[in-house]
Each structure stands twice: as structure tokens, then as C-alpha cells.
Amino acid sequence: QSTLDLGLNLLEDLLDRLEKDGKKVLPGEEVFKLYDTYGFPRELTEEIANERHFEIDHEGFEKALKKQREMARKAHGDNYYVKEDQAFYNSIANEYPAEFLGYDTTTAEAKVIGLVKDNDLVEEIDGKGIVILDKTPFYAEKGGQIADIGNLTFLGGKARVLDVQNPAENLIIHFVEVIEGSLKTGMKVEATVDNERRLAIARNHTATHIIHKALKEVLGEHVNQAGSLVEPDRLRFDFTHYEAPTKDELRKIEIIANQKVREDLCVHVKVMDLDEATALGATALFEEKYGDKVRLVEVEGYSRELCGGTHLNATGEIGLIKIISEGSVAAGVRRIEAVTGENAYKEFVRLEDMVEGLASSLKVGIGELPQRIEKMEEERNELKKKIESLEAKMASMQSQELLDNMNEVAGIPYKGVNLGETDARKLRTMGDALKDKLNGILVLGGSNEGKAVLLCLVSENYVKQGIHAGKLIKELAQIVGGSGGGRPDNAQAGGSEPEKLDEAINKLPKFIEAMKK
């Protein structure tokens, strides 16, 4: 299932909901979300929407686009490529082709063939700007793998490489900050990638291939990649699956992945024809466009994938793989996050410190923790039962007091009481104690954690006269900023404005009188 397929499903669901609500305009922010998150072209969204007689909120889309661009600029300054710069890069791509050397080396001597500042070609830059080299060891961000960073050194100066992008075919742009001297067109530079960071990224990228294969083995061959992010500190892998993997399944995936690490399998990279790679059973991304020649990354005897990223020479260099989270990101799409190498070790240390801290707090050894926690749970349940029993007794004792001095409207006895700090469970307990003694209408209200709670009881004789607890509580709930409902004799509600409880209770006779009519 491709990312575009997911976008189409989300669009259809969105249009169904809008149609159900009687709306005919597709909000601009939703159009932008489809475009930005799922790569769903605005033109295609508009075409599908028009077929179902919907209009597109173009102004809202432009606002969302502008907002994202401003946020990106603010977060990254001038060193950030955004889609709106694409036309400029397309216009210069053929004039500034670059050779990528980064599969074989992390250092290279290169020549500055272009400099860019504010989407204009310039002859010299100091401070922040964009550098185009004739050849580069720097990997440009693509395929889910984050870009390399590092340094450019040159006669009389130095620049930090902060980001690298590949906005058009054969065009590689380096976002730099010159910290010594100034860079000029034609200069020779020594390009040096941060090798430790590159190695950490390679660990995580090779690990994603192993995890992908392990997912297929444990969950089924229907599992496919639906997105990924490979950074030096962690990896994120999105995959298609119809339900949450169980704890045992995740543990099995992790065990298999680490078994492949311990086997120290060689990682081979070959460039070959697409047909040949397909015949070898290589996994490809459905939404990816491939040329006649492709790059096949093989974990020897285990997995084959088409991939343009940087990888290790052998799986043993990963050291360790630890899955740290798993969850849902969209209908039919799950996400695993994991760490490798030193970061995996740090995760185990973090968990060990947490367990030791718990054991110390509970004054037991680590091996005794499960039994101590189980005992605490039993004690908590016993205390909970005692509290509920006491609350029931208190409610029974209070019941007569609550039923004393009833008011009357339209010949019906009623009373409304704001009990202050209480919760819905306590109100229900009181209601159970009162319902058999009640002759009339009783409304109990309270507040808990900044929320209003309400309970309405109506005795059977007044239900027969047309008084409905569910309808009464609905009116009261609207005053406290909420909603509710229930049976004719018993109904509950909640709201976000507990400060209006007294106002709601004071309006109870008005609602009773209106219902009686």
C-alpha cells in the first residue's frame, strides 16, 4: 500500500464526513495535510473533490503553505530547502551537475562551481549561503535518510556544512555557514563529512532493512514499507499492517533482528538492471520511481532491497538493536522506532536505572519487584473496595438529608444540590442509594478536575406524567458547557464549565415547568 493510496483513502473518508454534515467545501488545511504528509497533489485532490461536487478552499491551502514555509525558515534560517524554491533549482540544474562520491569516501577535494544566496547566483559568500561543488562526499537527504554534515576547508577559511539537498536531478546543494574567510566561485575546497555521524546513520539504515525483513517473517509477507526516517540517534520505520503487533510479536522481531546482527552478515551493494534486481526478489517501494539501473543492497542470505542510502559493511557493526516504541500513524499503518549501537546500550542503561530506582523506593531487591508490585496491587484493590463501601454507607446516611425540604413546581417536588468536589462515580453511588426513596425530581451536581458532573433522577410516578431525566439533563448540561443524556428515570452529564453549576441548578424549575406543559 503506497503513501498515495493512504492519501486517497483519507480523502475519501474526509469527503464522506463532509457530505454527511451537509458541507460542500473541502478545508484548505486538510488539502495541505494531504499534500504535505502524503504527497497528494493539490490538483488531484481538486479533481476528485470536483467529481463529488465539492469545492476547494484555495485560500486556506495557501495560508497553510505559507505558515509551514515561515516555520521552516524560522527553524532553520537560510539553511533550509523548501518546495517553493524548486523552480529556481530546476533552472540551474543542467549547468551545475555534481558527482557523488560518498558511497566510497567521506573526504574529497572539490571545486566550487556555484554559490547561491537568496535564490540568486553570486560570486562570493560569507556567513550563510549555498555551495555547489563539482563532486562531493556529502549525502543529500533523500529516501528517508537525513543529510550528512561536516566541513569545507579552503585557503584562508572554513565553512560548516549544515544540510545537503538534491532538489533536481544531478544537482547537489550544500547549505553552509562560512566561519572563517569567504568562499568564492572557482575555489578548491577539502570536503569532509562528519564520519562518526555518518557511521551512526549507516547503523540505523542497515538496521531498518533487517527490521523490515523481520517484520515480514513475523507478521506476514503483506507487510510493506510506508515511510522511514534514518537519523544518527534513532530510526523510524512505518509499515502496513492491519492491527497492533502483540508484545510477543515485537519481542520476536527484536530477537530475530539482533540474531542477524550477531551473525555479522556481509552487506553487499550492487548496481544492476531493474529487471535483474526484481528477478532476485529485491523489495522495492511501490511509489518510488526507478531508472533502468538500480542500487541493490543485500544483507547476505537475508534481505534484498533497492536503496540509495549509505550502509555498513557487515551487520555486526550495528552492535545492538532495541525497539523503543510501536504505534499507529494512520489507518492500516504502524510505526516502529528503534535505536542501535551505543544509543541502544544507553536505552538499556536508562531502563536499568529506572528499575533500580523503583526497587530502591520500594525497599526491595530488583528480583523481588514483581512480587512487591503484585502485592501493592492487591492492597490497592482492597482499599478501593473499602472506600467504595464507606462511600455507599455515607451516601445512604446523606440520602434522607438530600430528600428533606423538597421544593415544588407545577405540582412536582424537586430539588437541586451542588455537592462541590465530587466525581461521577460518587454521584452514581448516591443515586443508587436515593432512587428507591425519591418521590419527585432530584438533580445532583459537582466538579472534579476542572469538569462539571451532573446526575438527574426522576421517580416512576412522574416519569408516567411525562417528565424525562435524559431531556432535563441535556438542558442543564448545555449551561455547563457539555452534553449528556440517559433514561427517563436516570441520566448523567458532564461539562467543561463547573463554575456554572449553580446557574444550571437554579434553572431546573424552569425546565421542569416547560416539560410539564
Protein backbone atom coordinates (compact mmCIF):
# COMPACT_ATOMS: atom_id res chain seq x y z
CA GLN A 1 0.00 0.00 0.00
CA SER A 2 1.64 3.22 -1.12
CA THR A 3 1.61 6.59 0.58
CA LEU A 4 -0.56 7.90 -2.26
CA ASP A 5 -3.07 5.10 -1.65
CA LEU A 6 -3.24 6.15 2.00
CA GLY A 7 -3.82 9.75 0.93
CA LEU A 8 -6.64 8.67 -1.38
CA ASN A 9 -8.31 6.66 1.40
CA LEU A 10 -8.07 9.62 3.79
CA LEU A 11 -9.50 11.98 1.17
CA GLU A 12 -12.46 9.70 0.50
CA ASP A 13 -13.15 9.38 4.26
CA LEU A 14 -12.94 13.15 4.64
CA LEU A 15 -15.33 13.79 1.76
CA ASP A 16 -17.77 11.22 3.22
CA ARG A 17 -17.77 13.05 6.58
CA LEU A 18 -18.24 16.46 4.99
CA GLU A 19 -21.07 15.12 2.84
CA LYS A 20 -22.75 13.66 5.92
CA ASP A 21 -22.52 17.08 7.62
CA GLY A 22 -24.01 18.79 4.56
CA LYS A 23 -20.81 20.69 3.74
CA LYS A 24 -19.54 21.26 0.20
CA VAL A 25 -16.16 22.96 0.72
CA LEU A 26 -13.01 20.95 1.41
CA PRO A 27 -10.99 22.93 4.03
CA GLY A 28 -7.65 24.26 2.81
CA GLU A 29 -5.73 22.92 5.82
CA GLU A 30 -6.96 19.39 5.00
CA VAL A 31 -5.88 19.76 1.37
CA PHE A 32 -2.47 20.91 2.59
CA LYS A 33 -2.17 17.98 5.00
CA LEU A 34 -2.78 15.54 2.14
CA TYR A 35 -0.19 17.37 0.04
CA ASP A 36 2.45 17.74 2.73
CA THR A 37 2.14 14.44 4.60
CA TYR A 38 1.05 12.02 1.87
CA GLY A 39 2.45 13.72 -1.25
CA PHE A 40 -1.08 14.03 -2.63
CA PRO A 41 -1.03 16.75 -5.35
CA ARG A 42 -3.48 19.59 -4.83
CA GLU A 43 -4.63 19.26 -8.45
CA LEU A 44 -5.54 15.59 -7.91
CA THR A 45 -7.36 16.42 -4.67
CA GLU A 46 -9.34 19.10 -6.50
CA GLU A 47 -10.18 16.76 -9.38
CA ILE A 48 -11.51 14.05 -7.05
CA ALA A 49 -13.38 16.63 -4.93
CA ASN A 50 -14.99 18.19 -8.02
CA GLU A 51 -16.19 14.79 -9.19
CA ARG A 52 -18.17 14.63 -5.95
CA HIS A 53 -19.36 18.25 -6.33
CA PHE A 54 -17.06 19.71 -3.66
CA GLU A 55 -15.13 22.96 -3.90
CA ILE A 56 -11.58 23.52 -2.64
CA ASP A 57 -10.69 26.21 -0.12
CA HIS A 58 -7.71 27.54 -2.09
CA GLU A 59 -7.15 30.48 0.25
CA GLY A 60 -6.91 28.16 3.26
CA PHE A 61 -4.42 25.95 1.39
CA GLU A 62 -2.20 28.92 0.56
CA LYS A 63 -2.32 30.10 4.18
CA ALA A 64 -1.26 26.66 5.44
CA LEU A 65 1.52 26.51 2.85
CA LYS A 66 2.76 29.97 3.80
CA LYS A 67 2.64 29.13 7.51
CA GLN A 68 4.73 25.99 7.02
CA ARG A 69 7.28 27.85 4.94
CA GLU A 70 7.60 30.57 7.58
CA MET A 71 8.01 27.96 10.31
CA ALA A 72 10.67 26.16 8.29
CA ARG A 73 12.58 29.36 7.62
CA LYS A 74 12.33 30.37 11.27
CA ALA A 75 13.54 26.97 12.48
CA HIS A 76 16.41 26.59 10.05
CA GLY A 77 17.21 30.10 8.88
CA ASP A 78 18.62 30.31 5.38
CA ASN A 79 19.92 26.74 5.55
CA TYR A 80 16.70 25.02 4.59
CA TYR A 81 15.33 23.88 1.27
CA VAL A 82 11.58 24.36 0.74
CA LYS A 83 9.46 23.26 -2.20
CA GLU A 84 8.75 26.83 -3.29
CA ASP A 85 12.45 27.18 -4.29
CA GLN A 86 12.06 24.35 -6.79
CA ALA A 87 11.64 26.48 -9.92
CA PHE A 88 14.97 28.20 -9.29
CA TYR A 89 16.84 24.92 -8.79
CA ASN A 90 15.26 23.38 -11.88
CA SER A 91 16.52 26.36 -13.89
CA ILE A 92 20.17 25.86 -12.86
CA ALA A 93 20.34 22.04 -12.57
CA ASN A 94 21.77 21.39 -16.04
CA GLU A 95 24.54 23.97 -15.58
CA TYR A 96 25.80 22.58 -12.27
CA PRO A 97 25.96 18.76 -12.37
CA ALA A 98 27.73 17.15 -9.42
CA GLU A 99 29.37 13.77 -8.95
CA PHE A 100 28.51 11.99 -5.69
CA LEU A 101 31.50 10.15 -4.16
CA GLY A 102 30.01 9.41 -0.75
CA TYR A 103 29.47 5.67 -1.22
CA ASP A 104 33.24 5.18 -1.32
CA THR A 105 34.71 8.02 0.74
CA THR A 106 33.88 10.66 3.33
CA THR A 107 36.54 13.13 2.16
CA ALA A 108 37.25 14.65 -1.23
CA GLU A 109 38.99 17.56 -2.89
CA ALA A 110 36.44 19.52 -4.90
CA LYS A 111 35.91 22.75 -6.79
CA VAL A 112 33.25 25.37 -6.04
CA ILE A 113 31.27 25.68 -9.29
CA GLY A 114 28.34 27.72 -7.94
CA LEU A 115 27.28 29.88 -4.99
CA VAL A 116 23.69 30.83 -4.14
CA LYS A 117 22.29 33.49 -1.82
CA ASP A 118 18.57 34.30 -1.59
CA ASN A 119 17.81 32.27 -4.75
CA ASP A 120 20.38 34.22 -6.78
CA LEU A 121 23.70 33.05 -8.15
CA VAL A 122 26.56 35.04 -6.61
CA GLU A 123 30.34 35.09 -6.91
CA GLU A 124 31.18 35.15 -3.21
CA ILE A 125 29.55 34.37 0.14
CA ASP A 126 30.40 34.90 3.77
CA GLY A 127 28.07 33.91 6.58
CA LYS A 128 25.24 31.64 5.41
CA GLY A 129 24.65 30.52 1.84
CA ILE A 130 24.56 27.60 -0.59
CA VAL A 131 27.58 25.94 -2.20
CA ILE A 132 27.56 23.75 -5.31
CA LEU A 133 30.63 21.53 -5.81
CA ASP A 134 31.73 19.62 -8.90
CA LYS A 135 31.97 16.47 -6.73
CA THR A 136 31.04 15.76 -3.15
CA PRO A 137 31.23 13.06 -0.46
CA PHE A 138 28.18 14.57 1.29
CA TYR A 139 24.97 12.51 1.14
CA ALA A 140 21.93 14.64 0.28
CA GLU A 141 18.75 13.97 2.25
CA LYS A 142 16.50 11.50 0.43
CA GLY A 143 14.82 8.14 0.82
CA GLY A 144 14.18 8.81 4.50
CA GLN A 145 17.90 9.20 5.27
CA ILE A 146 18.95 12.51 6.79
CA ALA A 147 21.73 14.52 5.12
CA ASP A 148 25.40 14.45 6.08
CA ILE A 149 27.02 17.40 7.84
CA GLY A 150 30.69 18.33 8.09
CA ASN A 151 33.19 20.95 6.93
CA LEU A 152 34.65 22.63 3.87
CA THR A 153 38.19 23.90 4.35
CA PHE A 154 39.89 26.18 1.85
CA LEU A 155 42.81 28.56 1.60
CA GLY A 156 42.29 31.14 4.32
CA GLY A 157 38.99 29.85 5.58
CA LYS A 158 36.50 27.25 6.75
CA ALA A 159 32.75 26.61 6.37
CA ARG A 160 30.40 24.31 8.24
CA VAL A 161 28.09 22.16 6.11
CA LEU A 162 24.71 22.22 7.89
CA ASP A 163 22.44 20.48 5.37
CA VAL A 164 22.62 18.88 1.92
CA GLN A 165 19.75 18.55 -0.55
CA ASN A 166 19.18 17.12 -4.02
CA PRO A 167 16.41 19.40 -5.38
CA ALA A 168 16.85 18.41 -9.03
CA GLU A 169 18.50 15.56 -10.92
CA ASN A 170 22.32 15.66 -10.61
CA LEU A 171 22.15 18.90 -8.58
CA ILE A 172 23.52 18.66 -5.02
CA ILE A 173 23.38 21.80 -2.88
CA HIS A 174 25.24 22.31 0.41
CA PHE A 175 23.82 24.73 2.96
CA VAL A 176 26.82 26.23 4.71
CA GLU A 177 27.87 28.78 7.25
CA VAL A 178 31.26 30.34 6.49
CA ILE A 179 33.04 30.83 9.83
CA GLU A 180 36.45 31.95 8.53
CA GLY A 181 37.25 33.90 5.38
CA SER A 182 34.88 33.89 2.40
CA LEU A 183 34.01 31.36 -0.31
CA LYS A 184 34.38 32.28 -3.98
CA THR A 185 33.44 30.58 -7.21
CA GLY A 186 36.33 28.53 -8.60
CA MET A 187 37.95 27.87 -5.22
CA LYS A 188 39.36 24.46 -4.31
CA VAL A 189 37.99 23.02 -1.08
CA GLU A 190 38.57 19.95 1.05
CA ALA A 191 35.12 18.45 1.76
CA THR A 192 34.99 16.36 4.93
CA VAL A 193 31.92 14.52 6.20
CA ASP A 194 31.38 14.04 9.94
CA ASN A 195 32.41 10.38 9.81
CA GLU A 196 31.12 9.31 13.26
CA ARG A 197 27.69 10.73 12.46
CA ARG A 198 27.69 9.07 9.02
CA LEU A 199 28.55 5.74 10.67
CA ALA A 200 25.68 6.15 13.18
CA ILE A 201 23.28 6.86 10.30
CA ALA A 202 24.57 3.80 8.41
CA ARG A 203 23.95 1.63 11.51
CA ASN A 204 20.35 2.78 11.63
CA HIS A 205 19.81 2.44 7.89
CA THR A 206 21.12 -1.13 7.72
CA ALA A 207 19.02 -1.86 10.82
CA THR A 208 15.86 -0.67 9.04
CA HIS A 209 16.45 -3.26 6.31
CA ILE A 210 16.85 -6.01 8.91
CA ILE A 211 13.73 -4.88 10.82
CA HIS A 212 11.74 -4.72 7.57
CA LYS A 213 12.59 -8.35 6.78
CA ALA A 214 11.95 -9.46 10.38
CA LEU A 215 8.52 -7.78 10.26
CA LYS A 216 7.65 -9.79 7.15
CA GLU A 217 8.81 -13.01 8.80
CA VAL A 218 6.80 -12.45 11.99
CA LEU A 219 3.69 -10.58 10.78
CA GLY A 220 3.44 -11.78 7.17
CA GLU A 221 4.55 -11.01 3.63
CA HIS A 222 1.80 -8.37 3.31
CA VAL A 223 3.98 -6.01 5.38
CA ASN A 224 5.48 -3.24 3.24
CA GLN A 225 7.40 -0.09 3.98
CA ALA A 226 5.17 3.01 4.17
CA GLY A 227 7.83 5.54 5.14
CA SER A 228 11.03 5.84 7.14
CA LEU A 229 13.36 8.26 8.85
CA VAL A 230 17.02 7.43 9.41
CA GLU A 231 18.93 9.75 11.74
CA PRO A 232 22.14 9.31 13.74
CA ASP A 233 20.28 8.94 17.06
CA ARG A 234 17.36 6.71 16.04
CA LEU A 235 15.41 5.11 13.23
CA ARG A 236 11.72 5.26 12.44
CA PHE A 237 10.04 2.70 10.20
CA ASP A 238 6.42 2.89 9.03
CA PHE A 239 4.84 -0.30 7.72
CA THR A 240 1.49 -1.58 6.51
CA HIS A 241 -0.33 -3.89 8.91
CA TYR A 242 -3.97 -4.24 9.90
CA GLU A 243 -3.55 -4.39 13.70
CA ALA A 244 -1.14 -3.63 16.52
CA PRO A 245 1.59 -6.28 16.85
CA THR A 246 1.45 -8.09 20.17
CA LYS A 247 4.17 -7.74 22.79
CA ASP A 248 5.36 -11.27 21.93
CA GLU A 249 5.49 -10.44 18.21
CA LEU A 250 7.56 -7.30 18.84
CA ARG A 251 9.92 -9.28 21.08
CA LYS A 252 10.30 -11.92 18.36
CA ILE A 253 11.07 -9.20 15.75
CA GLU A 254 13.72 -7.76 18.06
CA ILE A 255 15.24 -11.20 18.74
CA ILE A 256 15.47 -12.00 15.01
CA ALA A 257 17.00 -8.60 14.23
CA ASN A 258 19.69 -8.99 16.89
CA GLN A 259 20.39 -12.56 15.78
CA LYS A 260 21.22 -11.16 12.32
CA VAL A 261 23.50 -8.59 13.97
CA ARG A 262 25.38 -11.31 15.86
CA GLU A 263 25.74 -13.37 12.68
CA ASP A 264 27.81 -10.45 11.30
CA LEU A 265 26.39 -10.88 7.79
CA CYS A 266 28.15 -9.08 4.96
CA VAL A 267 26.28 -6.18 3.37
CA HIS A 268 26.77 -6.15 -0.41
CA VAL A 269 25.88 -3.27 -2.71
CA LYS A 270 25.46 -3.88 -6.44
CA VAL A 271 24.29 -1.68 -9.31
CA MET A 272 22.24 -3.67 -11.84
CA ASP A 273 19.31 -3.59 -14.21
CA LEU A 274 15.90 -3.16 -12.57
CA ASP A 275 14.63 -6.38 -14.17
CA GLU A 276 17.60 -8.33 -12.78
CA ALA A 277 17.05 -6.91 -9.25
CA THR A 278 13.35 -7.76 -9.43
CA ALA A 279 14.16 -11.30 -10.53
CA LEU A 280 16.40 -11.64 -7.47
CA GLY A 281 13.39 -10.80 -5.26
CA ALA A 282 14.51 -7.32 -4.23
CA THR A 283 11.99 -5.33 -2.19
CA ALA A 284 11.03 -2.02 -3.81
CA LEU A 285 8.81 0.87 -2.73
CA PHE A 286 5.66 0.94 -4.83
CA GLU A 287 5.51 4.74 -5.04
CA GLU A 288 9.21 5.09 -5.88
CA LYS A 289 10.27 5.76 -9.47
CA TYR A 290 13.28 3.73 -10.57
CA GLY A 291 15.52 4.10 -13.59
CA ASP A 292 16.88 1.28 -15.74
CA LYS A 293 19.82 0.91 -13.35
CA VAL A 294 19.17 0.43 -9.63
CA ARG A 295 21.24 0.01 -6.48
CA LEU A 296 20.62 -3.29 -4.71
CA VAL A 297 21.56 -3.52 -1.01
CA GLU A 298 21.79 -7.13 0.18
CA VAL A 299 22.22 -8.34 3.74
CA GLU A 300 23.88 -11.60 2.76
CA GLY A 301 21.46 -14.51 2.75
CA TYR A 302 18.74 -12.49 4.46
CA SER A 303 17.30 -9.42 2.69
CA ARG A 304 17.50 -7.59 -0.63
CA GLU A 305 16.19 -4.05 -1.09
CA LEU A 306 16.52 -1.32 -3.69
CA CYS A 307 18.10 1.56 -1.79
CA GLY A 308 20.18 4.65 -2.44
CA GLY A 309 21.30 5.15 1.16
CA THR A 310 24.62 4.61 2.93
CA HIS A 311 25.18 1.31 4.73
CA LEU A 312 27.63 -0.69 6.83
CA ASN A 313 29.97 -3.37 5.51
CA ALA A 314 28.58 -6.01 7.88
CA THR A 315 25.64 -6.30 10.28
CA GLY A 316 27.93 -6.87 13.27
CA GLU A 317 28.88 -3.17 13.10
CA ILE A 318 25.34 -2.34 14.27
CA GLY A 319 26.20 -3.72 17.71
CA LEU A 320 22.68 -3.91 19.10
CA ILE A 321 19.09 -3.10 18.04
CA LYS A 322 16.47 -2.03 20.60
CA ILE A 323 12.86 -1.27 19.70
CA ILE A 324 11.71 1.63 21.88
CA SER A 325 8.14 2.21 20.66
CA GLU A 326 5.39 0.96 18.33
CA GLY A 327 2.12 2.65 17.47
CA SER A 328 -0.42 3.64 14.85
CA VAL A 329 0.12 6.59 12.49
CA ALA A 330 -2.84 6.10 10.10
CA ALA A 331 -5.46 3.53 9.16
CA GLY A 332 -3.55 0.36 8.30
CA VAL A 333 -0.14 1.89 9.01
CA ARG A 334 2.02 1.20 12.07
CA ARG A 335 5.29 2.81 13.19
CA ILE A 336 8.31 1.31 14.93
CA GLU A 337 11.04 3.44 16.47
CA ALA A 338 14.35 1.89 17.41
CA VAL A 339 17.90 2.73 18.46
CA THR A 340 21.16 0.98 17.63
CA GLY A 341 24.75 0.69 18.80
CA GLU A 342 25.71 2.98 21.67
CA ASN A 343 22.23 4.50 21.79
CA ALA A 344 20.74 1.02 22.26
CA TYR A 345 23.17 0.44 25.14
CA LYS A 346 22.15 3.81 26.64
CA GLU A 347 18.49 2.74 26.42
CA PHE A 348 19.24 -0.40 28.43
CA VAL A 349 21.15 1.69 31.00
CA ARG A 350 18.17 4.07 31.24
CA LEU A 351 15.78 1.16 31.82
CA GLU A 352 18.17 -0.40 34.36
CA ASP A 353 18.41 2.88 36.28
CA MET A 354 14.61 3.12 36.28
CA VAL A 355 14.22 -0.41 37.66
CA GLU A 356 16.90 0.16 40.31
CA GLY A 357 15.18 3.41 41.31
CA LEU A 358 11.85 1.61 41.72
CA ALA A 359 13.44 -1.16 43.76
CA SER A 360 15.15 1.40 46.00
CA SER A 361 11.90 3.33 46.54
CA LEU A 362 10.05 0.14 47.47
CA LYS A 363 12.97 -1.09 49.59
CA VAL A 364 13.26 -4.46 47.87
CA GLY A 365 15.79 -6.15 45.60
CA ILE A 366 15.33 -5.97 41.83
CA GLY A 367 14.38 -9.66 41.71
CA GLU A 368 11.59 -9.05 44.26
CA LEU A 369 9.99 -6.18 42.32
CA PRO A 370 7.28 -8.23 40.51
CA GLN A 371 6.03 -9.79 43.75
CA ARG A 372 6.11 -6.42 45.58
CA ILE A 373 4.15 -4.69 42.82
CA GLU A 374 1.64 -7.56 42.72
CA LYS A 375 1.16 -7.26 46.49
CA MET A 376 0.72 -3.48 46.22
CA GLU A 377 -1.92 -4.00 43.53
CA GLU A 378 -3.80 -6.40 45.80
CA GLU A 379 -3.62 -3.90 48.68
CA ARG A 380 -4.82 -1.12 46.39
CA ASN A 381 -7.82 -3.18 45.28
CA GLU A 382 -8.70 -3.98 48.89
CA LEU A 383 -8.51 -0.29 49.85
CA LYS A 384 -10.62 0.61 46.83
CA LYS A 385 -13.33 -1.83 47.94
CA LYS A 386 -13.28 -0.39 51.46
CA ILE A 387 -13.54 3.17 50.13
CA GLU A 388 -16.48 2.23 47.90
CA SER A 389 -18.19 0.53 50.84
CA LEU A 390 -17.70 3.60 53.04
CA GLU A 391 -18.95 5.90 50.28
CA ALA A 392 -22.07 3.78 49.89
CA LYS A 393 -22.72 3.99 53.64
CA MET A 394 -22.16 7.74 53.64
CA ALA A 395 -24.46 8.15 50.66
CA SER A 396 -27.15 6.20 52.47
CA MET A 397 -26.72 8.41 55.55
CA GLN A 398 -26.91 11.57 53.44
CA SER A 399 -29.87 10.38 51.38
CA GLN A 400 -32.58 11.45 53.81
CA GLU A 401 -30.98 14.88 54.24
CA LEU A 402 -30.92 15.36 50.46
CA LEU A 403 -34.58 14.42 50.19
CA ASP A 404 -35.69 16.74 53.02
CA ASN A 405 -37.20 20.15 52.26
CA MET A 406 -38.06 19.49 48.64
CA ASN A 407 -39.23 22.45 46.54
CA GLU A 408 -42.24 22.30 44.24
CA VAL A 409 -43.05 23.50 40.73
CA ALA A 410 -46.15 22.65 38.68
CA GLY A 411 -47.18 20.32 41.48
CA ILE A 412 -43.95 18.29 41.26
CA PRO A 413 -41.47 18.01 44.17
CA TYR A 414 -37.89 18.76 43.09
CA LYS A 415 -34.51 19.60 44.49
CA GLY A 416 -31.15 20.55 43.02
CA VAL A 417 -27.91 20.35 45.04
CA ASN A 418 -24.35 21.36 44.18
CA LEU A 419 -22.21 18.95 46.20
CA GLY A 420 -18.92 20.68 45.36
CA GLU A 421 -15.87 18.48 44.82
CA THR A 422 -17.07 15.03 43.75
CA ASP A 423 -16.92 12.73 40.73
CA ALA A 424 -19.37 10.86 38.53
CA ARG A 425 -18.82 7.55 40.37
CA LYS A 426 -19.74 9.07 43.72
CA LEU A 427 -22.83 10.67 42.19
CA ARG A 428 -23.90 7.27 40.85
CA THR A 429 -23.39 5.72 44.30
CA MET A 430 -25.60 8.42 45.84
CA GLY A 431 -28.16 7.91 43.09
CA ASP A 432 -28.36 4.20 43.81
CA ALA A 433 -28.97 4.95 47.49
CA LEU A 434 -31.68 7.54 46.72
CA LYS A 435 -33.66 6.18 43.78
CA ASP A 436 -36.00 3.93 45.80
CA LYS A 437 -36.77 6.70 48.34
CA LEU A 438 -37.31 9.52 45.85
CA ASN A 439 -40.73 10.99 45.15
CA GLY A 440 -40.14 13.72 42.59
CA ILE A 441 -37.08 15.04 40.77
CA LEU A 442 -33.55 15.26 42.17
CA VAL A 443 -30.52 16.81 40.43
CA LEU A 444 -27.06 16.38 41.99
CA GLY A 445 -24.06 18.30 40.66
CA GLY A 446 -20.37 18.56 41.42
CA SER A 447 -16.96 19.24 39.98
CA ASN A 448 -13.90 17.06 39.50
CA GLU A 449 -10.54 18.04 37.98
CA GLY A 450 -12.00 21.16 36.41
CA LYS A 451 -15.01 19.37 34.92
CA ALA A 452 -18.69 19.55 35.87
CA VAL A 453 -20.65 16.35 36.60
CA LEU A 454 -24.44 16.05 36.86
CA LEU A 455 -26.96 13.35 37.79
CA CYS A 456 -30.73 13.58 37.37
CA LEU A 457 -33.22 11.16 38.97
CA VAL A 458 -36.99 11.11 38.34
CA SER A 459 -39.32 8.85 40.34
CA GLU A 460 -41.52 6.45 38.38
CA ASN A 461 -44.80 8.27 39.14
CA TYR A 462 -43.52 11.46 37.49
CA VAL A 463 -41.99 9.60 34.58
CA LYS A 464 -45.54 8.47 33.83
CA GLN A 465 -46.56 12.16 33.81
CA GLY A 466 -44.06 12.90 31.02
CA ILE A 467 -41.01 14.05 32.97
CA HIS A 468 -37.82 12.72 31.32
CA ALA A 469 -34.48 12.74 33.18
CA GLY A 470 -32.47 12.45 29.94
CA LYS A 471 -34.11 15.53 28.44
CA LEU A 472 -33.74 17.54 31.65
CA ILE A 473 -30.05 16.70 31.99
CA LYS A 474 -29.45 17.67 28.37
CA GLU A 475 -30.76 21.20 29.07
CA LEU A 476 -28.67 21.51 32.25
CA ALA A 477 -25.55 20.18 30.53
CA GLN A 478 -25.67 22.87 27.86
CA ILE A 479 -25.35 25.53 30.59
CA VAL A 480 -22.18 23.94 31.99
CA GLY A 481 -20.64 23.59 28.53
CA GLY A 482 -21.26 19.92 27.95
CA SER A 483 -23.69 17.24 26.89
CA GLY A 484 -25.44 14.24 28.35
CA GLY A 485 -28.49 12.05 28.30
CA GLY A 486 -30.00 8.87 29.60
CA ARG A 487 -33.16 7.06 30.55
CA PRO A 488 -36.43 8.76 31.62
CA ASP A 489 -35.68 7.92 35.27
CA ASN A 490 -31.89 8.25 35.41
CA ALA A 491 -29.46 10.38 33.38
CA GLN A 492 -25.92 11.74 33.62
CA ALA A 493 -23.97 14.59 32.04
CA GLY A 494 -20.63 16.35 32.11
CA GLY A 495 -19.34 19.76 31.12
CA SER A 496 -16.26 21.94 30.89
CA GLU A 497 -17.60 24.87 32.97
CA PRO A 498 -18.15 23.78 36.60
CA GLU A 499 -18.43 27.42 37.68
CA LYS A 500 -21.88 27.47 36.05
CA LEU A 501 -23.30 24.57 38.09
CA ASP A 502 -25.33 26.84 40.39
CA GLU A 503 -26.75 28.66 37.38
CA ALA A 504 -27.83 25.34 35.85
CA ILE A 505 -29.42 24.08 39.08
CA ASN A 506 -31.27 27.38 39.55
CA LYS A 507 -32.85 26.92 36.11
CA LEU A 508 -34.12 23.43 36.94
CA PRO A 509 -37.70 24.56 37.86
CA LYS A 510 -37.97 26.44 34.56
CA PHE A 511 -37.11 23.28 32.59
CA ILE A 512 -39.48 21.14 34.69
CA GLU A 513 -42.32 23.57 34.13
CA ALA A 514 -41.68 23.66 30.37
CA MET A 515 -41.67 19.86 30.22
CA LYS A 516 -44.86 19.59 32.27
CA LYS A 517 -46.68 21.78 29.74
